[in-house]
Amino acid sequence: MERLQALARKQGAVVAAELVRASGKEQLPLHLANRDAWLGPERLLIHFASAEDAARVARSLNGAFCVAGTEVLVEADHIGSRLQRLFEMRVTPLTGRHVIVEATYRGTELQPPELGSRLRPYLKPEDRLTASDSPWGIRLRVRTTEPLRVLPAVVELGTLVGAEARVQMHDEDRLAAALHRIRVELESELRGR
């Protein structure tokens, strides 16, 4: 990356890049051309070693955020790179319209459909919920545009049913979200010149 940046500076240009795990889309150019433009809020999921650390950092935040166990989800019109750098490798940027909130529950006797039905009242009709077995427990997967609302619900469900909940979040279309972040970064860099 440093070599690319040096080459770009030599040419009076800017460069931004991000590695993204993408599913094997055969028609990738067509997929990217047809994706929806989205100018909604940016989100940053910050991972902590303990719930106490998450709560301590959250006390210093203001604005739209939620604490759910060892995770803090921040939402704003723009999240600058300063906040991302502050927490280094413990962040997951979420800039897509649809976010996947995936929770795996260990230690419950409930079956996937029953556990899913207990989460459903906390979701909106447009949230898509799937429930399945996994080698690590029961997995609930929610596709939503409002992760600030869904994240606390999936964590609280674990408490209500006496199960440990492990939560992961990511953009539904990771590649499109990465391209959006790169475009914003380049535009910001060009405005700063």
Protein backbone atom coordinates (compact mmCIF):
# COMPACT_ATOMS: atom_id res chain seq x y z
CA MET A 1 0.00 0.00 0.00
CA GLU A 2 2.85 2.38 0.82
CA ARG A 3 4.29 1.88 -2.67
CA LEU A 4 0.92 2.68 -4.24
CA GLN A 5 0.57 5.81 -2.11
CA ALA A 6 4.09 6.96 -3.03
CA LEU A 7 3.37 6.40 -6.72
CA ALA A 8 0.09 8.30 -6.42
CA ARG A 9 1.79 11.25 -4.68
CA LYS A 10 4.41 11.35 -7.45
CA GLN A 11 1.60 11.64 -9.99
CA GLY A 12 -0.34 14.20 -7.94
CA ALA A 13 -3.10 11.67 -7.26
CA VAL A 14 -4.55 9.93 -4.23
CA VAL A 15 -5.17 6.26 -3.62
CA ALA A 16 -7.34 4.34 -1.16
CA ALA A 17 -7.72 0.57 -0.86
CA GLU A 18 -9.40 -1.96 1.37
CA LEU A 19 -9.29 -5.76 1.35
CA VAL A 20 -12.73 -7.34 1.42
CA ARG A 21 -13.79 -10.96 1.57
CA ALA A 22 -16.30 -11.29 -1.25
CA SER A 23 -18.38 -14.25 -2.26
CA GLY A 24 -17.41 -15.70 -5.64
CA LYS A 25 -19.62 -13.42 -7.68
CA GLU A 26 -19.14 -14.37 -11.32
CA GLN A 27 -20.74 -11.17 -12.61
CA LEU A 28 -18.91 -8.82 -10.23
CA PRO A 29 -18.87 -5.75 -12.55
CA LEU A 30 -22.62 -6.11 -13.17
CA HIS A 31 -23.26 -6.61 -9.45
CA LEU A 32 -21.34 -3.44 -8.58
CA ALA A 33 -23.05 -1.42 -11.30
CA ASN A 34 -26.52 -2.44 -10.10
CA ARG A 35 -26.05 -1.86 -6.37
CA ASP A 36 -28.12 0.85 -4.71
CA ALA A 37 -26.44 4.10 -3.80
CA TRP A 38 -26.86 4.73 -0.08
CA LEU A 39 -26.11 7.86 1.84
CA GLY A 40 -27.34 6.76 5.26
CA PRO A 41 -25.47 6.81 8.54
CA GLU A 42 -22.07 5.21 9.02
CA ARG A 43 -21.66 2.68 11.80
CA LEU A 44 -18.66 1.44 13.71
CA LEU A 45 -18.75 -1.74 15.81
CA ILE A 46 -16.05 -1.66 18.50
CA HIS A 47 -15.03 -4.94 20.16
CA PHE A 48 -13.75 -5.06 23.75
CA ALA A 49 -12.25 -7.81 25.90
CA SER A 50 -14.85 -7.31 28.63
CA ALA A 51 -18.28 -5.81 29.14
CA GLU A 52 -16.76 -3.49 31.76
CA ASP A 53 -14.32 -2.04 29.20
CA ALA A 54 -17.17 -1.53 26.74
CA ALA A 55 -19.30 0.25 29.36
CA ARG A 56 -16.37 2.45 30.45
CA VAL A 57 -15.67 3.65 26.90
CA ALA A 58 -19.39 4.14 26.19
CA ARG A 59 -19.62 6.58 29.10
CA SER A 60 -17.30 8.91 27.16
CA LEU A 61 -19.45 8.81 24.00
CA ASN A 62 -22.39 10.99 23.06
CA GLY A 63 -24.83 10.68 20.21
CA ALA A 64 -26.32 7.48 18.82
CA PHE A 65 -24.68 4.37 20.26
CA CYS A 66 -25.54 1.24 22.18
CA VAL A 67 -23.61 -1.13 24.42
CA ALA A 68 -24.33 -4.83 24.10
CA GLY A 69 -22.07 -7.02 26.18
CA THR A 70 -18.51 -6.60 24.91
CA GLU A 71 -19.59 -4.58 21.85
CA VAL A 72 -20.28 -0.89 21.36
CA LEU A 73 -22.10 0.16 18.19
CA VAL A 74 -21.71 3.83 17.20
CA GLU A 75 -23.83 5.48 14.47
CA ALA A 76 -23.31 8.92 12.91
CA ASP A 77 -23.65 10.74 9.61
CA HIS A 78 -19.86 10.51 9.30
CA ILE A 79 -17.38 8.61 11.44
CA GLY A 80 -13.92 9.97 10.86
CA SER A 81 -10.79 7.90 10.69
CA ARG A 82 -9.69 9.36 14.06
CA LEU A 83 -12.21 7.23 15.97
CA GLN A 84 -11.29 4.17 13.92
CA ARG A 85 -7.58 4.72 14.57
CA LEU A 86 -8.23 5.23 18.28
CA PHE A 87 -9.44 1.66 18.63
CA GLU A 88 -7.07 0.22 15.98
CA MET A 89 -7.89 -3.41 15.12
CA ARG A 90 -10.93 -3.69 17.37
CA VAL A 91 -13.34 -2.06 14.94
CA THR A 92 -15.63 -3.20 12.17
CA PRO A 93 -16.84 -0.36 9.94
CA LEU A 94 -20.46 -0.78 8.83
CA THR A 95 -21.38 1.58 6.02
CA GLY A 96 -23.92 -0.41 3.99
CA ARG A 97 -27.67 0.06 4.03
CA HIS A 98 -28.37 -3.46 5.28
CA VAL A 99 -26.40 -4.90 8.17
CA ILE A 100 -26.35 -8.55 9.21
CA VAL A 101 -26.57 -9.09 12.98
CA GLU A 102 -25.73 -12.72 13.66
CA ALA A 103 -25.90 -14.23 17.13
CA THR A 104 -24.95 -17.75 18.18
CA TYR A 105 -26.53 -18.95 21.43
CA ARG A 106 -24.92 -21.70 23.52
CA GLY A 107 -26.52 -23.39 26.47
CA THR A 108 -30.21 -23.29 25.60
CA GLU A 109 -32.58 -26.21 25.24
CA LEU A 110 -34.77 -24.30 22.80
CA GLN A 111 -34.93 -25.28 19.13
CA PRO A 112 -34.04 -22.72 16.42
CA PRO A 113 -37.66 -21.89 15.43
CA GLU A 114 -38.65 -21.37 19.07
CA LEU A 115 -35.65 -19.14 19.81
CA GLY A 116 -36.35 -17.15 16.63
CA SER A 117 -39.98 -16.68 17.63
CA ARG A 118 -38.84 -15.17 20.94
CA LEU A 119 -36.77 -12.58 19.08
CA ARG A 120 -39.42 -11.74 16.47
CA PRO A 121 -41.46 -9.34 18.73
CA TYR A 122 -38.39 -7.08 18.99
CA LEU A 123 -37.99 -6.87 15.21
CA LYS A 124 -39.80 -4.85 12.58
CA PRO A 125 -41.66 -6.59 9.74
CA GLU A 126 -38.96 -5.57 7.26
CA ASP A 127 -36.21 -7.22 9.33
CA ARG A 128 -35.43 -10.66 7.89
CA LEU A 129 -34.83 -13.32 10.52
CA THR A 130 -33.47 -16.82 9.95
CA ALA A 131 -32.82 -19.43 12.62
CA SER A 132 -30.61 -22.49 12.22
CA ASP A 133 -28.47 -25.01 14.06
CA SER A 134 -24.71 -24.63 13.95
CA PRO A 135 -21.90 -26.68 15.49
CA TRP A 136 -21.56 -23.98 18.16
CA GLY A 137 -25.24 -23.59 19.09
CA ILE A 138 -28.32 -21.97 17.63
CA ARG A 139 -27.66 -19.19 15.11
CA LEU A 140 -30.09 -16.32 14.58
CA ARG A 141 -29.34 -14.05 11.64
CA VAL A 142 -31.14 -10.71 11.23
CA ARG A 143 -30.87 -8.54 8.11
CA THR A 144 -31.75 -5.00 9.19
CA THR A 145 -31.30 -1.33 8.43
CA GLU A 146 -31.40 -0.52 12.17
CA PRO A 147 -28.63 -2.42 13.98
CA LEU A 148 -28.78 0.00 16.94
CA ARG A 149 -32.22 -1.44 17.69
CA VAL A 150 -31.46 -5.10 16.87
CA LEU A 151 -28.10 -5.55 18.63
CA PRO A 152 -29.38 -5.01 22.19
CA ALA A 153 -32.36 -7.29 21.47
CA VAL A 154 -30.23 -10.26 20.37
CA VAL A 155 -27.94 -9.87 23.40
CA GLU A 156 -30.89 -9.51 25.81
CA LEU A 157 -32.50 -12.62 24.33
CA GLY A 158 -29.48 -14.62 25.44
CA THR A 159 -29.93 -13.34 29.00
CA LEU A 160 -33.67 -14.11 28.95
CA VAL A 161 -33.19 -17.73 27.85
CA GLY A 162 -30.07 -18.32 29.98
CA ALA A 163 -27.73 -18.75 27.02
CA GLU A 164 -24.39 -17.22 26.14
CA ALA A 165 -24.76 -15.04 23.04
CA ARG A 166 -21.83 -14.46 20.68
CA VAL A 167 -22.61 -11.65 18.26
CA GLN A 168 -21.05 -10.76 14.93
CA MET A 169 -22.05 -7.97 12.58
CA HIS A 170 -21.13 -7.12 9.02
CA ASP A 171 -22.45 -5.28 6.00
CA GLU A 172 -24.73 -7.42 3.86
CA ASP A 173 -22.74 -6.46 0.76
CA ARG A 174 -19.21 -6.10 2.08
CA LEU A 175 -17.68 -5.24 -1.27
CA ALA A 176 -20.14 -2.44 -2.08
CA ALA A 177 -19.69 -1.02 1.44
CA ALA A 178 -15.89 -1.08 1.06
CA LEU A 179 -16.16 0.73 -2.28
CA HIS A 180 -18.39 3.34 -0.63
CA ARG A 181 -15.80 3.88 2.14
CA ILE A 182 -13.00 4.19 -0.42
CA ARG A 183 -14.99 6.72 -2.46
CA VAL A 184 -15.69 8.82 0.65
CA GLU A 185 -12.03 8.66 1.68
CA LEU A 186 -10.85 9.74 -1.78
CA GLU A 187 -13.37 12.58 -1.97
CA SER A 188 -12.30 13.77 1.48
CA GLU A 189 -8.63 13.62 0.47
CA LEU A 190 -9.28 15.56 -2.74
CA ARG A 191 -11.28 18.24 -0.87
CA GLY A 192 -8.36 18.65 1.53
CA ARG A 193 -5.96 19.60 -1.28
